[in-house]
N, C-alpha and C. Protein backbone atom coordinates (compact mmCIF):
# COMPACT_ATOMS: atom_id res chain seq x y z
N MET A 1 11.64 -18.00 -9.35
CA MET A 1 10.42 -18.19 -10.09
C MET A 1 9.84 -16.82 -10.42
N GLU A 2 9.43 -16.66 -11.64
CA GLU A 2 8.90 -15.36 -12.07
C GLU A 2 7.50 -15.11 -11.51
N ILE A 3 7.18 -13.85 -11.33
CA ILE A 3 5.92 -13.48 -10.69
C ILE A 3 4.71 -13.94 -11.49
N THR A 4 4.80 -13.94 -12.80
CA THR A 4 3.65 -14.38 -13.61
C THR A 4 3.32 -15.84 -13.33
N GLU A 5 4.35 -16.66 -13.13
CA GLU A 5 4.12 -18.07 -12.80
C GLU A 5 3.54 -18.23 -11.41
N ILE A 6 4.04 -17.45 -10.44
CA ILE A 6 3.51 -17.51 -9.08
C ILE A 6 2.03 -17.12 -9.07
N ILE A 7 1.69 -16.04 -9.75
CA ILE A 7 0.31 -15.57 -9.81
C ILE A 7 -0.59 -16.66 -10.41
N SER A 8 -0.15 -17.25 -11.51
CA SER A 8 -0.97 -18.26 -12.20
C SER A 8 -1.13 -19.53 -11.39
N ARG A 9 -0.15 -19.86 -10.55
CA ARG A 9 -0.29 -21.04 -9.69
C ARG A 9 -1.41 -20.86 -8.68
N ILE A 10 -1.69 -19.62 -8.33
CA ILE A 10 -2.77 -19.34 -7.38
C ILE A 10 -4.12 -19.35 -8.10
N TYR A 11 -4.19 -18.62 -9.22
CA TYR A 11 -5.44 -18.50 -9.97
C TYR A 11 -5.12 -17.78 -11.27
N ASN A 12 -5.63 -18.30 -12.38
CA ASN A 12 -5.38 -17.65 -13.67
C ASN A 12 -6.14 -16.34 -13.77
N LEU A 13 -5.42 -15.29 -14.09
CA LEU A 13 -6.00 -13.95 -14.21
C LEU A 13 -5.96 -13.48 -15.65
N PRO A 14 -6.95 -12.69 -16.04
CA PRO A 14 -6.84 -12.03 -17.34
C PRO A 14 -5.64 -11.07 -17.31
N GLU A 15 -5.03 -10.85 -18.46
CA GLU A 15 -3.82 -10.03 -18.54
C GLU A 15 -3.98 -8.64 -17.91
N PRO A 16 -5.09 -7.91 -18.13
CA PRO A 16 -5.20 -6.58 -17.50
C PRO A 16 -5.17 -6.64 -15.96
N SER A 17 -5.81 -7.66 -15.40
CA SER A 17 -5.81 -7.82 -13.94
C SER A 17 -4.42 -8.19 -13.44
N LYS A 18 -3.77 -9.10 -14.16
CA LYS A 18 -2.41 -9.51 -13.79
C LYS A 18 -1.47 -8.30 -13.83
N ALA A 19 -1.64 -7.47 -14.85
CA ALA A 19 -0.78 -6.28 -14.98
C ALA A 19 -0.99 -5.33 -13.80
N LYS A 20 -2.23 -5.15 -13.36
CA LYS A 20 -2.51 -4.29 -12.19
C LYS A 20 -1.82 -4.83 -10.95
N LEU A 21 -1.91 -6.13 -10.77
CA LEU A 21 -1.31 -6.77 -9.60
C LEU A 21 0.21 -6.60 -9.61
N ILE A 22 0.82 -6.88 -10.73
CA ILE A 22 2.28 -6.78 -10.85
C ILE A 22 2.75 -5.34 -10.68
N ALA A 23 1.96 -4.39 -11.18
CA ALA A 23 2.33 -2.97 -11.08
C ALA A 23 2.48 -2.51 -9.63
N GLY A 24 1.77 -3.16 -8.71
CA GLY A 24 1.84 -2.78 -7.30
C GLY A 24 3.00 -3.41 -6.55
N MET A 25 3.76 -4.26 -7.20
CA MET A 25 4.83 -5.01 -6.54
C MET A 25 6.19 -4.37 -6.74
N THR A 26 7.06 -4.62 -5.76
CA THR A 26 8.47 -4.26 -5.91
C THR A 26 9.29 -5.52 -5.64
N GLU A 27 10.40 -5.64 -6.33
CA GLU A 27 11.30 -6.78 -6.11
C GLU A 27 12.35 -6.34 -5.11
N ILE A 28 12.54 -7.16 -4.07
CA ILE A 28 13.53 -6.83 -3.05
C ILE A 28 14.44 -8.02 -2.79
N SER A 29 15.67 -7.75 -2.42
CA SER A 29 16.63 -8.77 -2.00
C SER A 29 16.80 -8.67 -0.49
N VAL A 30 16.78 -9.83 0.17
CA VAL A 30 16.87 -9.87 1.62
C VAL A 30 17.92 -10.91 2.01
N PRO A 31 18.88 -10.51 2.85
CA PRO A 31 19.94 -11.47 3.22
C PRO A 31 19.45 -12.57 4.16
N LYS A 32 20.18 -13.67 4.16
CA LYS A 32 19.94 -14.79 5.06
C LYS A 32 19.90 -14.30 6.51
N GLY A 33 18.97 -14.85 7.28
CA GLY A 33 18.89 -14.51 8.70
C GLY A 33 18.02 -13.31 9.02
N THR A 34 17.29 -12.80 8.05
CA THR A 34 16.44 -11.62 8.25
C THR A 34 15.03 -12.05 8.64
N LEU A 35 14.46 -11.37 9.64
CA LEU A 35 13.05 -11.58 9.96
C LEU A 35 12.22 -10.70 9.02
N VAL A 36 11.58 -11.32 8.07
CA VAL A 36 10.75 -10.59 7.12
C VAL A 36 9.42 -10.24 7.79
N ILE A 37 8.91 -11.16 8.57
CA ILE A 37 7.67 -10.97 9.34
C ILE A 37 8.00 -11.26 10.79
N SER A 38 7.51 -10.41 11.68
CA SER A 38 7.86 -10.51 13.10
C SER A 38 6.62 -10.40 13.98
N THR A 39 6.66 -11.12 15.09
CA THR A 39 5.57 -11.04 16.06
C THR A 39 5.51 -9.67 16.73
N ALA A 40 6.54 -8.87 16.54
CA ALA A 40 6.61 -7.56 17.19
C ALA A 40 5.79 -6.48 16.48
N ARG A 41 5.26 -6.79 15.28
CA ARG A 41 4.56 -5.73 14.54
C ARG A 41 3.43 -6.30 13.68
N VAL A 42 2.53 -5.42 13.31
CA VAL A 42 1.53 -5.75 12.31
C VAL A 42 2.24 -5.68 10.96
N GLU A 43 2.13 -6.75 10.18
CA GLU A 43 2.81 -6.80 8.89
C GLU A 43 1.90 -6.23 7.81
N GLY A 44 2.40 -5.25 7.09
CA GLY A 44 1.63 -4.57 6.06
C GLY A 44 1.93 -5.01 4.64
N ASN A 45 2.65 -6.14 4.50
CA ASN A 45 3.04 -6.61 3.17
C ASN A 45 2.77 -8.10 3.02
N VAL A 46 2.63 -8.50 1.77
CA VAL A 46 2.58 -9.90 1.37
C VAL A 46 3.82 -10.12 0.51
N TYR A 47 4.50 -11.24 0.71
CA TYR A 47 5.73 -11.54 -0.01
C TYR A 47 5.55 -12.80 -0.85
N PHE A 48 5.98 -12.73 -2.09
CA PHE A 48 5.97 -13.87 -2.99
C PHE A 48 7.43 -14.22 -3.24
N ILE A 49 7.79 -15.48 -2.99
CA ILE A 49 9.19 -15.87 -3.02
C ILE A 49 9.64 -16.18 -4.45
N LYS A 50 10.52 -15.33 -4.94
CA LYS A 50 11.14 -15.55 -6.26
C LYS A 50 12.30 -16.53 -6.14
N LYS A 51 13.12 -16.33 -5.10
CA LYS A 51 14.32 -17.15 -4.91
C LYS A 51 14.61 -17.25 -3.42
N GLY A 52 14.94 -18.46 -2.97
CA GLY A 52 15.32 -18.66 -1.58
C GLY A 52 14.31 -19.47 -0.80
N ILE A 53 14.60 -19.59 0.49
CA ILE A 53 13.75 -20.37 1.38
C ILE A 53 13.60 -19.64 2.70
N VAL A 54 12.42 -19.77 3.30
CA VAL A 54 12.12 -19.14 4.58
C VAL A 54 11.49 -20.19 5.51
N ARG A 55 11.48 -19.87 6.78
CA ARG A 55 10.75 -20.72 7.73
C ARG A 55 9.86 -19.83 8.58
N ALA A 56 8.72 -20.37 8.97
CA ALA A 56 7.84 -19.69 9.92
C ALA A 56 7.97 -20.43 11.24
N TYR A 57 8.09 -19.64 12.30
CA TYR A 57 8.22 -20.25 13.63
C TYR A 57 7.62 -19.34 14.67
N SER A 58 7.29 -19.95 15.81
CA SER A 58 6.85 -19.21 16.98
C SER A 58 7.75 -19.58 18.14
N SER A 59 7.92 -18.65 19.04
CA SER A 59 8.77 -18.89 20.21
C SER A 59 7.90 -19.16 21.43
N PHE A 60 8.30 -20.16 22.19
CA PHE A 60 7.64 -20.51 23.44
C PHE A 60 8.72 -20.62 24.49
N GLY A 61 8.87 -19.58 25.29
CA GLY A 61 9.98 -19.53 26.24
C GLY A 61 11.28 -19.49 25.46
N ASP A 62 12.17 -20.44 25.75
CA ASP A 62 13.46 -20.50 25.07
C ASP A 62 13.41 -21.35 23.80
N GLU A 63 12.26 -21.92 23.50
CA GLU A 63 12.14 -22.85 22.37
C GLU A 63 11.47 -22.19 21.18
N GLU A 64 12.00 -22.49 19.99
CA GLU A 64 11.38 -22.07 18.73
C GLU A 64 10.75 -23.29 18.07
N VAL A 65 9.50 -23.14 17.66
CA VAL A 65 8.80 -24.23 16.99
C VAL A 65 8.58 -23.82 15.53
N THR A 66 9.23 -24.53 14.63
CA THR A 66 9.09 -24.29 13.20
C THR A 66 7.87 -25.05 12.70
N PHE A 67 6.98 -24.35 11.98
CA PHE A 67 5.77 -25.03 11.49
C PHE A 67 5.52 -24.87 10.00
N TRP A 68 6.42 -24.18 9.29
CA TRP A 68 6.22 -24.03 7.85
C TRP A 68 7.54 -23.63 7.20
N PHE A 69 7.76 -24.15 6.00
CA PHE A 69 8.85 -23.72 5.15
C PHE A 69 8.25 -23.21 3.86
N GLY A 70 8.77 -22.09 3.37
CA GLY A 70 8.35 -21.56 2.09
C GLY A 70 9.55 -21.46 1.18
N ARG A 71 9.32 -21.74 -0.09
CA ARG A 71 10.41 -21.64 -1.06
C ARG A 71 9.86 -21.08 -2.36
N GLU A 72 10.66 -21.10 -3.39
CA GLU A 72 10.32 -20.49 -4.65
C GLU A 72 8.87 -20.81 -5.05
N GLY A 73 8.12 -19.74 -5.32
CA GLY A 73 6.74 -19.87 -5.74
C GLY A 73 5.73 -19.75 -4.62
N ASP A 74 6.19 -19.82 -3.38
CA ASP A 74 5.28 -19.73 -2.23
C ASP A 74 5.02 -18.28 -1.83
N THR A 75 3.95 -18.12 -1.07
CA THR A 75 3.57 -16.81 -0.54
C THR A 75 3.89 -16.80 0.95
N ALA A 76 4.56 -15.75 1.41
CA ALA A 76 4.85 -15.59 2.83
C ALA A 76 4.05 -14.40 3.34
N LEU A 77 3.18 -14.67 4.29
CA LEU A 77 2.38 -13.60 4.87
C LEU A 77 1.94 -13.98 6.26
N SER A 78 1.55 -13.00 7.03
CA SER A 78 0.94 -13.22 8.33
C SER A 78 -0.57 -13.14 8.12
N ILE A 79 -1.25 -14.26 8.30
CA ILE A 79 -2.71 -14.27 8.15
C ILE A 79 -3.33 -13.34 9.19
N MET A 80 -2.78 -13.32 10.39
CA MET A 80 -3.32 -12.47 11.46
C MET A 80 -3.26 -11.00 11.05
N SER A 81 -2.15 -10.58 10.50
CA SER A 81 -2.02 -9.20 10.05
C SER A 81 -2.89 -8.94 8.82
N TYR A 82 -2.91 -9.87 7.90
CA TYR A 82 -3.66 -9.72 6.65
C TYR A 82 -5.16 -9.60 6.91
N VAL A 83 -5.68 -10.45 7.76
CA VAL A 83 -7.12 -10.49 8.00
C VAL A 83 -7.56 -9.51 9.08
N ALA A 84 -6.85 -9.50 10.21
CA ALA A 84 -7.33 -8.76 11.38
C ALA A 84 -6.52 -7.50 11.70
N MET A 85 -5.46 -7.22 10.91
CA MET A 85 -4.60 -6.07 11.18
C MET A 85 -4.06 -6.10 12.62
N GLN A 86 -3.67 -7.28 13.06
CA GLN A 86 -3.08 -7.48 14.38
C GLN A 86 -1.66 -8.03 14.20
N LYS A 87 -0.89 -7.95 15.28
CA LYS A 87 0.48 -8.47 15.23
C LYS A 87 0.46 -9.95 14.86
N SER A 88 1.48 -10.34 14.15
CA SER A 88 1.63 -11.71 13.70
C SER A 88 1.86 -12.64 14.89
N TYR A 89 1.40 -13.88 14.77
CA TYR A 89 1.71 -14.87 15.79
C TYR A 89 2.95 -15.66 15.42
N GLU A 90 3.52 -15.39 14.23
CA GLU A 90 4.72 -16.08 13.81
C GLU A 90 5.78 -15.12 13.34
N ASN A 91 7.00 -15.63 13.35
CA ASN A 91 8.13 -14.95 12.71
C ASN A 91 8.40 -15.70 11.41
N ILE A 92 8.75 -14.98 10.37
CA ILE A 92 9.19 -15.62 9.14
C ILE A 92 10.60 -15.11 8.85
N GLU A 93 11.53 -16.06 8.84
CA GLU A 93 12.96 -15.78 8.73
C GLU A 93 13.52 -16.36 7.44
N THR A 94 14.41 -15.61 6.79
CA THR A 94 15.08 -16.13 5.60
C THR A 94 16.18 -17.10 6.01
N LEU A 95 16.19 -18.27 5.38
CA LEU A 95 17.21 -19.28 5.65
C LEU A 95 18.31 -19.26 4.59
N GLU A 96 18.07 -18.52 3.53
CA GLU A 96 19.04 -18.28 2.46
C GLU A 96 18.88 -16.81 2.06
N ASP A 97 19.83 -16.29 1.31
CA ASP A 97 19.60 -14.99 0.68
C ASP A 97 18.37 -15.16 -0.21
N CYS A 98 17.44 -14.23 -0.11
CA CYS A 98 16.16 -14.37 -0.81
C CYS A 98 15.88 -13.16 -1.70
N ILE A 99 15.07 -13.42 -2.71
CA ILE A 99 14.50 -12.36 -3.53
C ILE A 99 12.98 -12.53 -3.44
N PHE A 100 12.31 -11.45 -3.09
CA PHE A 100 10.85 -11.45 -2.95
C PHE A 100 10.23 -10.45 -3.90
N TYR A 101 8.99 -10.72 -4.26
CA TYR A 101 8.11 -9.71 -4.83
C TYR A 101 7.26 -9.26 -3.65
N LYS A 102 7.36 -7.99 -3.30
CA LYS A 102 6.66 -7.45 -2.14
C LYS A 102 5.46 -6.63 -2.61
N LEU A 103 4.33 -6.85 -1.95
CA LEU A 103 3.10 -6.14 -2.28
C LEU A 103 2.46 -5.66 -0.98
N LYS A 104 2.16 -4.38 -0.92
CA LYS A 104 1.50 -3.84 0.28
C LYS A 104 0.09 -4.43 0.38
N THR A 105 -0.26 -4.86 1.56
CA THR A 105 -1.59 -5.44 1.80
C THR A 105 -2.69 -4.44 1.45
N ALA A 106 -2.48 -3.18 1.79
CA ALA A 106 -3.49 -2.15 1.48
C ALA A 106 -3.70 -2.02 -0.03
N THR A 107 -2.62 -2.10 -0.79
CA THR A 107 -2.71 -2.05 -2.25
C THR A 107 -3.50 -3.24 -2.76
N LEU A 108 -3.19 -4.42 -2.25
CA LEU A 108 -3.87 -5.64 -2.68
C LEU A 108 -5.36 -5.56 -2.37
N LYS A 109 -5.71 -5.14 -1.17
CA LYS A 109 -7.12 -5.05 -0.80
C LYS A 109 -7.85 -3.99 -1.63
N GLY A 110 -7.15 -2.92 -1.99
CA GLY A 110 -7.73 -1.92 -2.87
C GLY A 110 -8.04 -2.50 -4.24
N LEU A 111 -7.14 -3.35 -4.74
CA LEU A 111 -7.36 -4.01 -6.02
C LEU A 111 -8.56 -4.95 -5.97
N TYR A 112 -8.74 -5.62 -4.83
CA TYR A 112 -9.90 -6.50 -4.68
C TYR A 112 -11.21 -5.72 -4.87
N GLU A 113 -11.22 -4.49 -4.39
CA GLU A 113 -12.45 -3.69 -4.43
C GLU A 113 -12.78 -3.18 -5.83
N THR A 114 -11.80 -3.16 -6.71
CA THR A 114 -12.03 -2.59 -8.04
C THR A 114 -11.96 -3.60 -9.17
N ASP A 115 -11.59 -4.85 -8.87
CA ASP A 115 -11.41 -5.84 -9.92
C ASP A 115 -11.89 -7.21 -9.41
N LEU A 116 -13.01 -7.68 -9.94
CA LEU A 116 -13.59 -8.95 -9.50
C LEU A 116 -12.63 -10.12 -9.71
N ASP A 117 -11.89 -10.11 -10.82
CA ASP A 117 -10.92 -11.19 -11.06
C ASP A 117 -9.85 -11.22 -9.98
N LEU A 118 -9.39 -10.05 -9.57
CA LEU A 118 -8.40 -9.99 -8.50
C LEU A 118 -9.00 -10.39 -7.15
N ALA A 119 -10.25 -10.04 -6.93
CA ALA A 119 -10.93 -10.47 -5.70
C ALA A 119 -11.00 -12.00 -5.65
N ASN A 120 -11.30 -12.62 -6.79
CA ASN A 120 -11.34 -14.09 -6.86
C ASN A 120 -9.95 -14.68 -6.69
N TRP A 121 -8.94 -14.01 -7.23
CA TRP A 121 -7.56 -14.45 -7.04
C TRP A 121 -7.21 -14.44 -5.55
N GLY A 122 -7.59 -13.36 -4.86
CA GLY A 122 -7.33 -13.26 -3.43
C GLY A 122 -8.07 -14.31 -2.63
N ARG A 123 -9.29 -14.63 -3.04
CA ARG A 123 -10.06 -15.69 -2.37
C ARG A 123 -9.32 -17.02 -2.54
N ARG A 124 -8.83 -17.31 -3.75
CA ARG A 124 -8.09 -18.56 -3.99
C ARG A 124 -6.79 -18.60 -3.19
N LEU A 125 -6.13 -17.46 -3.07
CA LEU A 125 -4.92 -17.38 -2.26
C LEU A 125 -5.22 -17.81 -0.82
N MET A 126 -6.27 -17.27 -0.24
CA MET A 126 -6.63 -17.61 1.14
C MET A 126 -7.12 -19.06 1.26
N GLU A 127 -7.85 -19.55 0.26
CA GLU A 127 -8.29 -20.94 0.28
C GLU A 127 -7.08 -21.88 0.28
N LYS A 128 -6.10 -21.58 -0.54
CA LYS A 128 -4.89 -22.41 -0.59
C LYS A 128 -4.14 -22.37 0.74
N GLU A 129 -4.08 -21.20 1.37
CA GLU A 129 -3.43 -21.10 2.68
C GLU A 129 -4.20 -21.93 3.72
N LEU A 130 -5.51 -21.90 3.66
CA LEU A 130 -6.34 -22.68 4.59
C LEU A 130 -6.13 -24.18 4.40
N VAL A 131 -6.12 -24.63 3.16
CA VAL A 131 -5.91 -26.06 2.88
C VAL A 131 -4.53 -26.50 3.38
N LYS A 132 -3.53 -25.67 3.15
CA LYS A 132 -2.17 -25.98 3.61
C LYS A 132 -2.14 -26.11 5.14
N THR A 133 -2.78 -25.18 5.82
CA THR A 133 -2.81 -25.20 7.29
C THR A 133 -3.58 -26.42 7.81
N GLU A 134 -4.71 -26.72 7.17
CA GLU A 134 -5.50 -27.88 7.59
C GLU A 134 -4.71 -29.17 7.40
N GLY A 135 -4.02 -29.30 6.28
CA GLY A 135 -3.21 -30.49 6.03
C GLY A 135 -2.13 -30.66 7.07
N ARG A 136 -1.50 -29.56 7.43
CA ARG A 136 -0.44 -29.60 8.45
C ARG A 136 -1.00 -30.01 9.81
N LEU A 137 -2.15 -29.46 10.18
CA LEU A 137 -2.79 -29.80 11.46
C LEU A 137 -3.15 -31.29 11.51
N ILE A 138 -3.75 -31.79 10.45
CA ILE A 138 -4.13 -33.20 10.41
C ILE A 138 -2.90 -34.09 10.48
N ALA A 139 -1.85 -33.74 9.75
CA ALA A 139 -0.62 -34.54 9.78
C ALA A 139 -0.04 -34.59 11.19
N MET A 140 -0.03 -33.46 11.88
CA MET A 140 0.55 -33.43 13.23
C MET A 140 -0.31 -34.22 14.22
N GLN A 141 -1.61 -34.28 14.00
CA GLN A 141 -2.50 -34.97 14.94
C GLN A 141 -2.67 -36.45 14.63
N CYS A 142 -2.55 -36.83 13.36
CA CYS A 142 -2.96 -38.17 12.95
C CYS A 142 -1.85 -39.05 12.39
N LYS A 143 -0.70 -38.50 12.08
CA LYS A 143 0.38 -39.29 11.48
C LYS A 143 1.54 -39.41 12.44
N SER A 144 2.24 -40.52 12.32
CA SER A 144 3.42 -40.72 13.16
C SER A 144 4.56 -39.83 12.65
N ALA A 145 5.56 -39.65 13.49
CA ALA A 145 6.73 -38.86 13.10
C ALA A 145 7.42 -39.49 11.90
N LYS A 146 7.49 -40.80 11.87
CA LYS A 146 8.11 -41.50 10.74
C LYS A 146 7.32 -41.22 9.46
N ASP A 147 6.00 -41.27 9.54
CA ASP A 147 5.16 -41.00 8.36
C ASP A 147 5.32 -39.55 7.90
N ARG A 148 5.40 -38.63 8.86
CA ARG A 148 5.59 -37.22 8.50
C ARG A 148 6.93 -37.01 7.81
N TYR A 149 7.96 -37.70 8.31
CA TYR A 149 9.29 -37.59 7.69
C TYR A 149 9.28 -38.18 6.28
N GLN A 150 8.66 -39.34 6.12
CA GLN A 150 8.60 -39.96 4.80
C GLN A 150 7.82 -39.08 3.81
N GLU A 151 6.78 -38.45 4.29
CA GLU A 151 6.02 -37.52 3.45
C GLU A 151 6.88 -36.32 3.06
N LEU A 152 7.66 -35.83 4.01
CA LEU A 152 8.56 -34.71 3.74
C LEU A 152 9.56 -35.07 2.65
N ILE A 153 10.18 -36.23 2.74
CA ILE A 153 11.19 -36.59 1.74
C ILE A 153 10.54 -36.93 0.39
N ALA A 154 9.28 -37.36 0.42
CA ALA A 154 8.59 -37.66 -0.84
C ALA A 154 8.18 -36.38 -1.57
N TYR A 155 7.70 -35.39 -0.83
CA TYR A 155 7.15 -34.19 -1.46
C TYR A 155 8.07 -32.97 -1.43
N SER A 156 9.03 -32.97 -0.52
CA SER A 156 9.93 -31.81 -0.40
C SER A 156 11.37 -32.25 -0.13
N PRO A 157 11.93 -33.10 -0.99
CA PRO A 157 13.28 -33.61 -0.71
C PRO A 157 14.35 -32.53 -0.67
N ASP A 158 14.12 -31.41 -1.34
CA ASP A 158 15.11 -30.33 -1.35
C ASP A 158 15.31 -29.73 0.04
N LEU A 159 14.32 -29.87 0.91
CA LEU A 159 14.47 -29.31 2.26
C LEU A 159 15.61 -29.97 3.02
N LEU A 160 15.88 -31.24 2.73
CA LEU A 160 16.95 -31.94 3.42
C LEU A 160 18.32 -31.32 3.15
N GLN A 161 18.49 -30.70 1.98
CA GLN A 161 19.75 -30.06 1.64
C GLN A 161 19.77 -28.58 2.02
N ARG A 162 18.60 -27.97 2.17
CA ARG A 162 18.53 -26.52 2.31
C ARG A 162 18.24 -26.04 3.74
N VAL A 163 17.83 -26.95 4.61
CA VAL A 163 17.36 -26.57 5.95
C VAL A 163 18.12 -27.34 7.01
N LYS A 164 18.48 -26.65 8.10
CA LYS A 164 19.16 -27.32 9.22
C LYS A 164 18.27 -28.42 9.79
N LEU A 165 18.91 -29.51 10.21
CA LEU A 165 18.17 -30.63 10.78
C LEU A 165 17.39 -30.24 12.03
N THR A 166 17.93 -29.28 12.80
CA THR A 166 17.19 -28.85 14.00
C THR A 166 15.84 -28.24 13.61
N TYR A 167 15.80 -27.49 12.51
CA TYR A 167 14.54 -26.90 12.04
C TYR A 167 13.61 -27.99 11.52
N LEU A 168 14.17 -28.98 10.81
CA LEU A 168 13.34 -30.08 10.31
C LEU A 168 12.74 -30.88 11.47
N ALA A 169 13.54 -31.15 12.50
CA ALA A 169 13.03 -31.88 13.66
C ALA A 169 11.88 -31.11 14.30
N SER A 170 12.07 -29.82 14.48
CA SER A 170 11.02 -28.98 15.06
C SER A 170 9.77 -29.01 14.20
N TYR A 171 9.93 -28.88 12.90
CA TYR A 171 8.81 -28.92 11.96
C TYR A 171 8.04 -30.24 12.07
N LEU A 172 8.78 -31.34 12.26
CA LEU A 172 8.15 -32.66 12.39
C LEU A 172 7.59 -32.91 13.79
N GLY A 173 7.88 -32.01 14.72
CA GLY A 173 7.36 -32.14 16.08
C GLY A 173 8.10 -33.16 16.91
N ILE A 174 9.39 -33.34 16.61
CA ILE A 174 10.20 -34.32 17.32
C ILE A 174 11.54 -33.71 17.70
N THR A 175 12.30 -34.44 18.50
CA THR A 175 13.63 -33.99 18.88
C THR A 175 14.61 -34.33 17.77
N LEU A 176 15.76 -33.71 17.82
CA LEU A 176 16.82 -34.00 16.86
C LEU A 176 17.27 -35.46 16.98
N VAL A 177 17.31 -35.98 18.21
CA VAL A 177 17.69 -37.38 18.43
C VAL A 177 16.68 -38.32 17.76
N SER A 178 15.39 -38.02 17.91
CA SER A 178 14.36 -38.85 17.27
C SER A 178 14.47 -38.79 15.75
N LEU A 179 14.76 -37.62 15.23
CA LEU A 179 14.93 -37.49 13.78
C LEU A 179 16.11 -38.33 13.31
N SER A 180 17.19 -38.30 14.06
CA SER A 180 18.37 -39.10 13.70
C SER A 180 18.03 -40.59 13.70
N ARG A 181 17.23 -41.02 14.67
CA ARG A 181 16.83 -42.44 14.73
C ARG A 181 15.96 -42.82 13.53
N ILE A 182 15.03 -41.96 13.20
CA ILE A 182 14.16 -42.22 12.05
C ILE A 182 14.99 -42.30 10.77
N ARG A 183 15.89 -41.34 10.60
CA ARG A 183 16.74 -41.32 9.39
C ARG A 183 17.62 -42.58 9.33
N ALA A 184 18.20 -42.98 10.48
CA ALA A 184 19.04 -44.17 10.51
C ALA A 184 18.22 -45.41 10.19
N GLY A 185 17.00 -45.47 10.71
CA GLY A 185 16.12 -46.62 10.46
C GLY A 185 15.69 -46.74 9.02
N LEU A 186 15.66 -45.63 8.32
CA LEU A 186 15.27 -45.64 6.90
C LEU A 186 16.49 -45.69 5.98
N GLY A 187 17.67 -45.67 6.59
CA GLY A 187 18.89 -45.71 5.78
C GLY A 187 19.19 -44.42 5.06
N LYS A 188 18.73 -43.30 5.62
CA LYS A 188 18.93 -41.98 4.97
C LYS A 188 20.05 -41.25 5.66
């Protein structure tokens, strides 16, 4: 997905503001299996996914809990690093070879200070991240595993072909055996 489309999905910008934002970005290729964001460091970049898929996860002892998938058009960032300049609480790993538009957080925040349209774009970016997080929290607390799976196949059917079932089970908050039972019960 081209950067102009990704930017516009967040918030429509006037051309001069869009040009400033794009001028600060670099396009990078990252191989499958790379930790783009790590709990070991403060992340100084925001990534916009041009091509590929990533997952966000946290480790608890020997277990990894996947709580987000990002794909073409999505933004991958550590909110903790972005807002508080602290180490990330999640790892973001590439599940395919990926192409990102990378933007330094410091550059982005500098643009916010000099361009009101870009400041509003950044506000919309964070609002969208908040709504996404709230929706995920409510789904995990209020919906059954079967309902979460049905929602996944309704809104993100491509994940079934692009993501390992173990990651999907973790994302749904269930075991691989439970996921297999749900899939068998639905004839999938």
